[in-house]
Amino acid sequence: MAPTIMTVDDSASVRQMVSFTLRKEGYEVIEACDGKDALTKIKPDVKMVITDLNMPNMDGIELIRNIRSKAGFKFIPIIMLTTESQASKKQDGKAAGATGWIVKPFKPEQLLTVVKKVLR
């Protein structure tokens, strides 16, 4: 069975693009519209989370902290997919427990390269 990846973004078009890219490669995808939504949908079989930084209700940093606080998800790869590229934001993400960082706009091949590398 293909690994399940959760994509979290308040932009429906970004979620659709990420989901389409991943599904085309055979991955299962769970979509969430913000951090709170993601916490209600995340399941033990999720192998990776790809999240935006700036979202309503709960941002990506808070989401990462919440995910990392759960025993079953301490070591799950979490990739930030965001328009933010400042070193300070990246440091905040890393401090919260982000595994990697991709700046939007992104190329589908770039996303797949990171996903495959991290899921090895």
Protein backbone atom coordinates (compact mmCIF):
# COMPACT_ATOMS: atom_id res chain seq x y z
CA MET A 1 0.00 0.00 0.00
CA ALA A 2 1.26 3.50 -0.86
CA PRO A 3 2.29 5.81 1.99
CA THR A 4 -0.32 8.33 3.16
CA ILE A 5 0.67 11.99 3.14
CA MET A 6 -1.33 14.82 4.72
CA THR A 7 -1.34 18.21 2.98
CA VAL A 8 -2.42 21.24 5.02
CA ASP A 9 -3.06 24.59 3.35
CA ASP A 10 -5.82 27.20 3.53
CA SER A 11 -5.60 27.63 -0.25
CA ALA A 12 -7.81 25.06 -1.99
CA SER A 13 -5.83 25.44 -5.23
CA VAL A 14 -2.51 24.68 -3.49
CA ARG A 15 -4.06 21.65 -1.73
CA GLN A 16 -5.40 20.41 -5.06
CA MET A 17 -2.05 20.85 -6.81
CA VAL A 18 -0.13 19.06 -4.03
CA SER A 19 -2.74 16.28 -3.87
CA PHE A 20 -2.78 15.83 -7.65
CA THR A 21 1.03 15.69 -7.78
CA LEU A 22 1.23 13.12 -4.98
CA ARG A 23 -1.69 10.95 -6.16
CA LYS A 24 -0.20 10.83 -9.66
CA GLU A 25 2.87 9.21 -8.06
CA GLY A 26 0.69 6.69 -6.20
CA TYR A 27 0.54 8.27 -2.74
CA GLU A 28 -2.64 8.35 -0.65
CA VAL A 29 -3.50 11.93 0.38
CA ILE A 30 -5.49 13.45 3.24
CA GLU A 31 -6.30 17.15 2.84
CA ALA A 32 -6.82 19.68 5.64
CA CYS A 33 -7.60 23.41 5.37
CA ASP A 34 -5.71 24.56 8.49
CA GLY A 35 -3.89 23.26 11.56
CA LYS A 36 -7.04 22.57 13.60
CA ASP A 37 -8.58 20.63 10.71
CA ALA A 38 -5.34 18.66 10.33
CA LEU A 39 -5.32 17.62 13.99
CA THR A 40 -8.83 16.19 13.63
CA LYS A 41 -7.89 14.23 10.48
CA ILE A 42 -4.38 12.94 11.19
CA LYS A 43 -4.22 9.15 11.61
CA PRO A 44 -1.48 6.73 12.68
CA ASP A 45 -0.94 5.62 9.06
CA VAL A 46 0.08 9.15 7.94
CA LYS A 47 3.77 8.94 6.98
CA MET A 48 4.42 12.63 6.22
CA VAL A 49 2.81 16.06 6.64
CA ILE A 50 3.23 18.92 4.15
CA THR A 51 1.96 22.15 5.68
CA ASP A 52 1.68 25.84 4.90
CA LEU A 53 2.94 28.33 7.48
CA ASN A 54 0.36 31.14 7.37
CA MET A 55 -3.16 29.78 7.92
CA PRO A 56 -6.21 30.88 9.93
CA ASN A 57 -7.25 29.10 13.17
CA MET A 58 -3.86 27.40 13.65
CA ASP A 59 -0.69 28.20 11.73
CA GLY A 60 1.94 25.72 10.56
CA ILE A 61 4.33 26.28 13.47
CA GLU A 62 1.61 25.61 16.06
CA LEU A 63 0.48 22.57 14.04
CA ILE A 64 4.03 21.16 14.04
CA ARG A 65 4.31 21.65 17.81
CA ASN A 66 0.97 19.87 18.30
CA ILE A 67 1.95 16.97 16.04
CA ARG A 68 5.37 16.62 17.71
CA SER A 69 3.70 16.47 21.14
CA LYS A 70 1.85 13.25 20.18
CA ALA A 71 3.81 10.07 20.89
CA GLY A 72 3.06 8.38 17.55
CA PHE A 73 4.13 11.43 15.53
CA LYS A 74 7.35 12.54 17.25
CA PHE A 75 9.50 11.53 14.26
CA ILE A 76 7.11 11.89 11.30
CA PRO A 77 8.62 14.04 8.52
CA ILE A 78 6.99 17.48 8.32
CA ILE A 79 7.70 19.71 5.33
CA MET A 80 6.82 23.41 5.35
CA LEU A 81 5.45 24.52 1.95
CA THR A 82 5.14 28.29 2.17
CA THR A 83 5.75 31.64 0.51
CA GLU A 84 7.96 32.60 3.47
CA SER A 85 11.68 32.41 2.79
CA GLN A 86 13.21 34.51 5.60
CA ALA A 87 15.91 32.80 7.66
CA SER A 88 14.06 33.71 10.88
CA LYS A 89 10.88 31.94 9.72
CA LYS A 90 12.89 28.88 8.69
CA GLN A 91 14.56 28.88 12.11
CA ASP A 92 11.13 29.04 13.80
CA GLY A 93 10.00 26.08 11.70
CA LYS A 94 13.13 24.09 12.49
CA ALA A 95 12.83 24.88 16.21
CA ALA A 96 9.22 23.63 16.16
CA GLY A 97 10.33 20.40 14.48
CA ALA A 98 10.01 20.91 10.71
CA THR A 99 12.05 18.43 8.67
CA GLY A 100 12.34 20.58 5.55
CA TRP A 101 11.22 23.77 3.79
CA ILE A 102 9.96 24.37 0.24
CA VAL A 103 9.19 27.89 -0.96
CA LYS A 104 6.09 28.54 -3.10
CA PRO A 105 5.65 28.67 -5.97
CA PHE A 106 7.12 25.20 -6.39
CA LYS A 107 7.56 22.77 -9.26
CA PRO A 108 5.83 19.39 -8.87
CA GLU A 109 9.16 17.62 -9.56
CA GLN A 110 10.75 19.59 -6.70
CA LEU A 111 8.02 18.47 -4.29
CA LEU A 112 8.32 14.83 -5.39
CA THR A 113 12.10 14.89 -5.05
CA VAL A 114 11.81 16.08 -1.44
CA VAL A 115 9.01 13.61 -0.62
CA LYS A 116 10.93 10.63 -2.02
CA LYS A 117 14.16 11.66 -0.30
CA VAL A 118 12.49 12.13 3.08
CA LEU A 119 10.36 8.96 2.94
CA ARG A 120 13.33 6.69 2.15
